[in-house]
Amino acid sequence: MKKENNFNLYSTDEFNAFMEFVKSHGVQMRYSKGQSLNLGKAEVGFVLSGLLGIYYKGTGKFIDHAFYGMPAMEDDKIMSTQPFYCRTESDVIIAKIPIHKIFEISHPDQVYRGVVFSALIYSLIDKLANIYDIRHGGNGYKVVKELIELYLTEIHVTQGLANYILKRTNLSNSYVFKILAALRKNGYIEIKNARLTKIIKPLPDKI
């Protein structure tokens, strides 16, 4: 699991210092697949390792896996307005800490903690919004193209390429298989046993 690389609001040193603070002042918990995080009110959990999936509430479609340091909350007043929910998909380790501890200031140099926490929240919302725009923007091929390129970067992919795309979109089976067949026929991608093994040449903008 790697840290998201586009927060743009703080340095790597500040992020690392913040995560060390979370680890030393929070309570680290391990969760099995399907287990609830059971976070209390005004409590936030930061993802340290494992696979924590993010899903749309309305459709149950998979969005992405949590990045290292991603904050997770389960307060009903906060999450009732959010269109997504989290689900553990393997052993997940999270450091739980009361939110007020993040904003406690006993020294002027600690002001950055609140800034880093706010940046993490911003990054999460921005990331989900960008994914939603891409996958629901009305251009089906653009969605397929983005997910084909993403497929090769996923370390823990277990399903074939077509199922990977269908799990993350509302596209029809016939449309997805038609696009993949055309890309394969024209020498853009290599697929073996339903899995994408290689992008032979840059995918076209239109097909």
C-alpha atoms as a PDB file:
ATOM      1  CA  MET A   1       0.000   0.000   0.000  1.00  0.00           C
ATOM      2  CA  LYS A   2       1.458   3.345  -0.975  1.00  0.00           C
ATOM      3  CA  LYS A   3       0.726   6.923   0.007  1.00  0.00           C
ATOM      4  CA  GLU A   4      -1.382   8.948  -2.362  1.00  0.00           C
ATOM      5  CA  ASN A   5       1.043  11.144  -4.280  1.00  0.00           C
ATOM      6  CA  ASN A   6      -1.027  14.192  -5.191  1.00  0.00           C
ATOM      7  CA  PHE A   7      -2.085  15.878  -1.954  1.00  0.00           C
ATOM      8  CA  ASN A   8      -0.151  19.036  -2.931  1.00  0.00           C
ATOM      9  CA  LEU A   9      -0.860  20.590   0.472  1.00  0.00           C
ATOM     10  CA  TYR A  10       2.022  19.347   2.561  1.00  0.00           C
ATOM     11  CA  SER A  11       5.495  17.839   2.283  1.00  0.00           C
ATOM     12  CA  THR A  12       6.413  14.181   2.559  1.00  0.00           C
ATOM     13  CA  ASP A  13       8.187  14.922   5.843  1.00  0.00           C
ATOM     14  CA  GLU A  14       5.012  16.448   7.289  1.00  0.00           C
ATOM     15  CA  PHE A  15       2.953  13.469   6.156  1.00  0.00           C
ATOM     16  CA  ASN A  16       5.417  10.989   7.656  1.00  0.00           C
ATOM     17  CA  ALA A  17       5.545  12.949  10.926  1.00  0.00           C
ATOM     18  CA  PHE A  18       1.740  13.028  11.028  1.00  0.00           C
ATOM     19  CA  MET A  19       1.483   9.267  10.490  1.00  0.00           C
ATOM     20  CA  GLU A  20       4.059   8.623  13.212  1.00  0.00           C
ATOM     21  CA  PHE A  21       1.919  10.740  15.547  1.00  0.00           C
ATOM     22  CA  VAL A  22      -1.169   8.716  14.598  1.00  0.00           C
ATOM     23  CA  LYS A  23       0.614   5.408  15.167  1.00  0.00           C
ATOM     24  CA  SER A  24       2.043   6.428  18.544  1.00  0.00           C
ATOM     25  CA  HIS A  25      -1.099   8.123  19.928  1.00  0.00           C
ATOM     26  CA  GLY A  26      -3.773   5.971  18.303  1.00  0.00           C
ATOM     27  CA  VAL A  27      -4.869   2.398  18.909  1.00  0.00           C
ATOM     28  CA  GLN A  28      -3.929  -0.006  16.126  1.00  0.00           C
ATOM     29  CA  MET A  29      -6.652  -2.522  15.291  1.00  0.00           C
ATOM     30  CA  ARG A  30      -6.637  -5.494  12.910  1.00  0.00           C
ATOM     31  CA  TYR A  31      -9.809  -6.377  11.008  1.00  0.00           C
ATOM     32  CA  SER A  32     -10.636  -9.542   9.094  1.00  0.00           C
ATOM     33  CA  LYS A  33     -12.422  -9.658   5.737  1.00  0.00           C
ATOM     34  CA  GLY A  34     -15.989  -8.343   6.021  1.00  0.00           C
ATOM     35  CA  GLN A  35     -15.558  -7.105   9.602  1.00  0.00           C
ATOM     36  CA  SER A  36     -16.963  -3.680  10.542  1.00  0.00           C
ATOM     37  CA  LEU A  37     -14.487  -1.015  11.614  1.00  0.00           C
ATOM     38  CA  ASN A  38     -16.683  -0.088  14.601  1.00  0.00           C
ATOM     39  CA  LEU A  39     -15.370   3.457  14.786  1.00  0.00           C
ATOM     40  CA  GLY A  40     -16.957   5.606  17.482  1.00  0.00           C
ATOM     41  CA  LYS A  41     -18.397   9.089  17.176  1.00  0.00           C
ATOM     42  CA  ALA A  42     -15.736  11.777  16.736  1.00  0.00           C
ATOM     43  CA  GLU A  43     -13.203   9.022  16.065  1.00  0.00           C
ATOM     44  CA  VAL A  44     -11.213   8.547  12.890  1.00  0.00           C
ATOM     45  CA  GLY A  45      -9.245   5.560  11.654  1.00  0.00           C
ATOM     46  CA  PHE A  46      -6.182   5.849   9.404  1.00  0.00           C
ATOM     47  CA  VAL A  47      -5.466   2.945   7.063  1.00  0.00           C
ATOM     48  CA  LEU A  48      -2.002   1.470   7.612  1.00  0.00           C
ATOM     49  CA  SER A  49      -2.123  -1.755   5.587  1.00  0.00           C
ATOM     50  CA  GLY A  50      -4.405  -4.302   3.935  1.00  0.00           C
ATOM     51  CA  LEU A  51      -7.221  -3.910   1.439  1.00  0.00           C
ATOM     52  CA  LEU A  52     -10.067  -1.612   2.443  1.00  0.00           C
ATOM     53  CA  GLY A  53     -12.483  -1.308  -0.466  1.00  0.00           C
ATOM     54  CA  ILE A  54     -14.539   1.822  -1.184  1.00  0.00           C
ATOM     55  CA  TYR A  55     -17.978   1.266  -2.741  1.00  0.00           C
ATOM     56  CA  TYR A  56     -20.914   3.354  -3.974  1.00  0.00           C
ATOM     57  CA  LYS A  57     -23.934   3.090  -1.660  1.00  0.00           C
ATOM     58  CA  GLY A  58     -26.542   3.203  -4.403  1.00  0.00           C
ATOM     59  CA  THR A  59     -25.150   0.583  -6.775  1.00  0.00           C
ATOM     60  CA  GLY A  60     -22.648  -1.312  -4.639  1.00  0.00           C
ATOM     61  CA  LYS A  61     -20.086  -0.802  -7.406  1.00  0.00           C
ATOM     62  CA  PHE A  62     -16.426  -0.876  -6.418  1.00  0.00           C
ATOM     63  CA  ILE A  63     -14.590   2.482  -6.592  1.00  0.00           C
ATOM     64  CA  ASP A  64     -11.050   1.902  -5.403  1.00  0.00           C
ATOM     65  CA  HIS A  65      -8.932   0.622  -2.536  1.00  0.00           C
ATOM     66  CA  ALA A  66      -7.967   2.927   0.312  1.00  0.00           C
ATOM     67  CA  PHE A  67      -4.554   4.545   0.093  1.00  0.00           C
ATOM     68  CA  TYR A  68      -2.034   4.501   2.938  1.00  0.00           C
ATOM     69  CA  GLY A  69      -3.036   7.073   5.557  1.00  0.00           C
ATOM     70  CA  MET A  70      -6.582   7.424   4.230  1.00  0.00           C
ATOM     71  CA  PRO A  71      -8.964   8.561   6.986  1.00  0.00           C
ATOM     72  CA  ALA A  72     -12.131   6.516   7.578  1.00  0.00           C
ATOM     73  CA  MET A  73     -15.113   7.555   9.707  1.00  0.00           C
ATOM     74  CA  GLU A  74     -18.434   5.888  10.523  1.00  0.00           C
ATOM     75  CA  ASP A  75     -20.296   8.642  12.380  1.00  0.00           C
ATOM     76  CA  ASP A  76     -23.902   8.531  11.092  1.00  0.00           C
ATOM     77  CA  LYS A  77     -24.224  12.328  10.960  1.00  0.00           C
ATOM     78  CA  ILE A  78     -21.133  12.562   8.772  1.00  0.00           C
ATOM     79  CA  MET A  79     -21.437   9.457   6.601  1.00  0.00           C
ATOM     80  CA  SER A  80     -25.197   9.642   5.969  1.00  0.00           C
ATOM     81  CA  THR A  81     -24.533  12.414   3.437  1.00  0.00           C
ATOM     82  CA  GLN A  82     -21.683  10.569   1.714  1.00  0.00           C
ATOM     83  CA  PRO A  83     -22.374   8.418  -1.385  1.00  0.00           C
ATOM     84  CA  PHE A  84     -19.829   5.751  -0.465  1.00  0.00           C
ATOM     85  CA  TYR A  85     -18.983   3.215   2.217  1.00  0.00           C
ATOM     86  CA  CYS A  86     -15.927   1.118   3.146  1.00  0.00           C
ATOM     87  CA  ARG A  87     -15.593  -2.660   3.403  1.00  0.00           C
ATOM     88  CA  THR A  88     -12.624  -4.767   4.518  1.00  0.00           C
ATOM     89  CA  GLU A  89     -11.502  -7.166   1.792  1.00  0.00           C
ATOM     90  CA  SER A  90      -8.480  -8.692   3.542  1.00  0.00           C
ATOM     91  CA  ASP A  91      -6.705  -8.264   6.875  1.00  0.00           C
ATOM     92  CA  VAL A  92      -6.708  -4.500   7.418  1.00  0.00           C
ATOM     93  CA  ILE A  93      -4.785  -2.564  10.067  1.00  0.00           C
ATOM     94  CA  ILE A  94      -6.149   0.815  11.093  1.00  0.00           C
ATOM     95  CA  ALA A  95      -4.930   3.266  13.730  1.00  0.00           C
ATOM     96  CA  LYS A  96      -7.946   4.728  15.576  1.00  0.00           C
ATOM     97  CA  ILE A  97      -7.677   8.097  17.280  1.00  0.00           C
ATOM     98  CA  PRO A  98     -10.158  10.705  18.609  1.00  0.00           C
ATOM     99  CA  ILE A  99     -10.350  13.654  16.214  1.00  0.00           C
ATOM    100  CA  HIS A 100      -9.809  16.188  19.003  1.00  0.00           C
ATOM    101  CA  LYS A 101      -6.324  14.754  19.633  1.00  0.00           C
ATOM    102  CA  ILE A 102      -5.289  15.714  16.114  1.00  0.00           C
ATOM    103  CA  PHE A 103      -6.147  19.356  16.756  1.00  0.00           C
ATOM    104  CA  GLU A 104      -4.643  19.593  20.252  1.00  0.00           C
ATOM    105  CA  ILE A 105      -1.762  22.062  20.265  1.00  0.00           C
ATOM    106  CA  SER A 106       0.849  21.962  23.009  1.00  0.00           C
ATOM    107  CA  HIS A 107       3.558  23.455  20.789  1.00  0.00           C
ATOM    108  CA  PRO A 108       3.347  25.880  17.802  1.00  0.00           C
ATOM    109  CA  ASP A 109       5.037  23.327  15.511  1.00  0.00           C
ATOM    110  CA  GLN A 110       2.039  20.992  15.935  1.00  0.00           C
ATOM    111  CA  VAL A 111      -0.336  23.257  14.016  1.00  0.00           C
ATOM    112  CA  TYR A 112       0.494  21.279  10.852  1.00  0.00           C
ATOM    113  CA  ARG A 113      -1.419  18.215  12.110  1.00  0.00           C
ATOM    114  CA  GLY A 114      -4.796  19.782  11.476  1.00  0.00           C
ATOM    115  CA  VAL A 115      -3.609  20.939   8.059  1.00  0.00           C
ATOM    116  CA  VAL A 116      -2.423  17.454   7.112  1.00  0.00           C
ATOM    117  CA  PHE A 117      -5.669  15.878   8.337  1.00  0.00           C
ATOM    118  CA  SER A 118      -7.708  18.388   6.289  1.00  0.00           C
ATOM    119  CA  ALA A 119      -5.514  17.654   3.255  1.00  0.00           C
ATOM    120  CA  LEU A 120      -6.188  13.929   3.604  1.00  0.00           C
ATOM    121  CA  ILE A 121      -9.943  14.544   3.691  1.00  0.00           C
ATOM    122  CA  TYR A 122      -9.657  16.838   0.673  1.00  0.00           C
ATOM    123  CA  SER A 123      -7.575  14.254  -1.223  1.00  0.00           C
ATOM    124  CA  LEU A 124     -10.115  11.501  -0.526  1.00  0.00           C
ATOM    125  CA  ILE A 125     -13.061  13.598  -1.743  1.00  0.00           C
ATOM    126  CA  ASP A 126     -11.133  14.825  -4.792  1.00  0.00           C
ATOM    127  CA  LYS A 127     -10.029  11.293  -5.682  1.00  0.00           C
ATOM    128  CA  LEU A 128     -13.565   9.885  -5.459  1.00  0.00           C
ATOM    129  CA  ALA A 129     -15.021  12.827  -7.387  1.00  0.00           C
ATOM    130  CA  ASN A 130     -12.511  12.364 -10.216  1.00  0.00           C
ATOM    131  CA  ILE A 131     -13.223   8.643 -10.434  1.00  0.00           C
ATOM    132  CA  TYR A 132     -16.978   9.303 -10.464  1.00  0.00           C
ATOM    133  CA  ASP A 133     -16.639  11.900 -13.250  1.00  0.00           C
ATOM    134  CA  ILE A 134     -14.583   9.536 -15.394  1.00  0.00           C
ATOM    135  CA  ARG A 135     -16.837   6.518 -14.931  1.00  0.00           C
ATOM    136  CA  HIS A 136     -20.155   8.379 -15.230  1.00  0.00           C
ATOM    137  CA  GLY A 137     -19.252  11.023 -17.794  1.00  0.00           C
ATOM    138  CA  GLY A 138     -21.299   9.491 -20.592  1.00  0.00           C
ATOM    139  CA  ASN A 139     -18.329   8.252 -22.639  1.00  0.00           C
ATOM    140  CA  GLY A 140     -18.311   4.487 -22.254  1.00  0.00           C
ATOM    141  CA  TYR A 141     -15.100   3.900 -24.175  1.00  0.00           C
ATOM    142  CA  LYS A 142     -13.242   6.516 -22.114  1.00  0.00           C
ATOM    143  CA  VAL A 143     -14.214   4.567 -18.992  1.00  0.00           C
ATOM    144  CA  VAL A 144     -13.042   1.259 -20.471  1.00  0.00           C
ATOM    145  CA  LYS A 145      -9.752   2.831 -21.622  1.00  0.00           C
ATOM    146  CA  GLU A 146      -9.075   4.272 -18.156  1.00  0.00           C
ATOM    147  CA  LEU A 147      -9.776   0.949 -16.437  1.00  0.00           C
ATOM    148  CA  ILE A 148      -7.669  -1.065 -18.879  1.00  0.00           C
ATOM    149  CA  GLU A 149      -4.694   1.171 -18.078  1.00  0.00           C
ATOM    150  CA  LEU A 150      -5.466   0.963 -14.357  1.00  0.00           C
ATOM    151  CA  TYR A 151      -5.726  -2.832 -14.466  1.00  0.00           C
ATOM    152  CA  LEU A 152      -2.010  -3.300 -15.089  1.00  0.00           C
ATOM    153  CA  THR A 153      -1.076  -1.140 -12.090  1.00  0.00           C
ATOM    154  CA  GLU A 154      -3.267  -3.081  -9.649  1.00  0.00           C
ATOM    155  CA  ILE A 155      -1.167  -5.445  -7.556  1.00  0.00           C
ATOM    156  CA  HIS A 156      -4.016  -7.496  -6.093  1.00  0.00           C
ATOM    157  CA  VAL A 157      -6.219  -8.029  -9.165  1.00  0.00           C
ATOM    158  CA  THR A 158      -7.799 -11.479  -9.053  1.00  0.00           C
ATOM    159  CA  GLN A 159     -10.510 -11.263 -11.719  1.00  0.00           C
ATOM    160  CA  GLY A 160     -10.320 -11.122 -15.499  1.00  0.00           C
ATOM    161  CA  LEU A 161     -10.277  -7.778 -17.321  1.00  0.00           C
ATOM    162  CA  ALA A 162     -13.947  -7.809 -18.374  1.00  0.00           C
ATOM    163  CA  ASN A 163     -15.189  -8.587 -14.852  1.00  0.00           C
ATOM    164  CA  TYR A 164     -12.819  -5.962 -13.461  1.00  0.00           C
ATOM    165  CA  ILE A 165     -14.463  -3.324 -15.672  1.00  0.00           C
ATOM    166  CA  LEU A 166     -18.031  -4.518 -15.058  1.00  0.00           C
ATOM    167  CA  LYS A 167     -17.528  -4.487 -11.294  1.00  0.00           C
ATOM    168  CA  ARG A 168     -16.593  -0.797 -11.411  1.00  0.00           C
ATOM    169  CA  THR A 169     -19.116   0.559 -13.924  1.00  0.00           C
ATOM    170  CA  ASN A 170     -22.727   0.375 -15.060  1.00  0.00           C
ATOM    171  CA  LEU A 171     -21.732  -0.615 -18.591  1.00  0.00           C
ATOM    172  CA  SER A 172     -23.434  -3.613 -20.158  1.00  0.00           C
ATOM    173  CA  ASN A 173     -21.687  -6.946 -20.616  1.00  0.00           C
ATOM    174  CA  SER A 174     -22.115  -6.831 -24.389  1.00  0.00           C
ATOM    175  CA  TYR A 175     -20.624  -3.333 -24.677  1.00  0.00           C
ATOM    176  CA  VAL A 176     -17.551  -4.166 -22.613  1.00  0.00           C
ATOM    177  CA  PHE A 177     -16.855  -7.433 -24.453  1.00  0.00           C
ATOM    178  CA  LYS A 178     -17.360  -5.679 -27.806  1.00  0.00           C
ATOM    179  CA  ILE A 179     -14.783  -2.986 -26.949  1.00  0.00           C
ATOM    180  CA  LEU A 180     -12.251  -5.493 -25.619  1.00  0.00           C
ATOM    181  CA  ALA A 181     -12.675  -7.685 -28.704  1.00  0.00           C
ATOM    182  CA  ALA A 182     -12.066  -4.715 -31.006  1.00  0.00           C
ATOM    183  CA  LEU A 183      -8.959  -3.624 -29.105  1.00  0.00           C
ATOM    184  CA  ARG A 184      -7.613  -7.166 -29.158  1.00  0.00           C
ATOM    185  CA  LYS A 185      -8.366  -7.654 -32.865  1.00  0.00           C
ATOM    186  CA  ASN A 186      -6.563  -4.409 -33.745  1.00  0.00           C
ATOM    187  CA  GLY A 187      -3.466  -5.347 -31.780  1.00  0.00           C
ATOM    188  CA  TYR A 188      -3.763  -2.923 -28.879  1.00  0.00           C
ATOM    189  CA  ILE A 189      -3.981  -5.406 -26.015  1.00  0.00           C
ATOM    190  CA  GLU A 190      -3.008  -8.970 -25.204  1.00  0.00           C
ATOM    191  CA  ILE A 191      -5.401 -11.105 -23.150  1.00  0.00           C
ATOM    192  CA  LYS A 192      -4.720 -14.625 -21.875  1.00  0.00           C
ATOM    193  CA  ASN A 193      -7.186 -16.640 -19.796  1.00  0.00           C
ATOM    194  CA  ALA A 194      -9.427 -13.552 -19.529  1.00  0.00           C
ATOM    195  CA  ARG A 195      -6.615 -11.518 -17.928  1.00  0.00           C
ATOM    196  CA  LEU A 196      -4.887  -8.535 -19.514  1.00  0.00           C
ATOM    197  CA  THR A 197      -1.206  -9.406 -19.877  1.00  0.00           C
ATOM    198  CA  LYS A 198       0.065  -6.504 -21.963  1.00  0.00           C
ATOM    199  CA  ILE A 199      -0.894  -3.193 -23.561  1.00  0.00           C
ATOM    200  CA  ILE A 200       0.932  -3.633 -26.858  1.00  0.00           C
ATOM    201  CA  LYS A 201       0.594  -0.043 -28.057  1.00  0.00           C
ATOM    202  CA  PRO A 202      -1.066   3.141 -26.728  1.00  0.00           C
ATOM    203  CA  LEU A 203      -4.832   2.800 -26.678  1.00  0.00           C
ATOM    204  CA  PRO A 204      -6.689   5.005 -29.175  1.00  0.00           C
ATOM    205  CA  ASP A 205      -8.806   7.951 -28.009  1.00  0.00           C
ATOM    206  CA  LYS A 206     -11.730   6.615 -30.013  1.00  0.00           C
ATOM    207  CA  ILE A 207     -12.736   3.227 -31.335  1.00  0.00           C
END
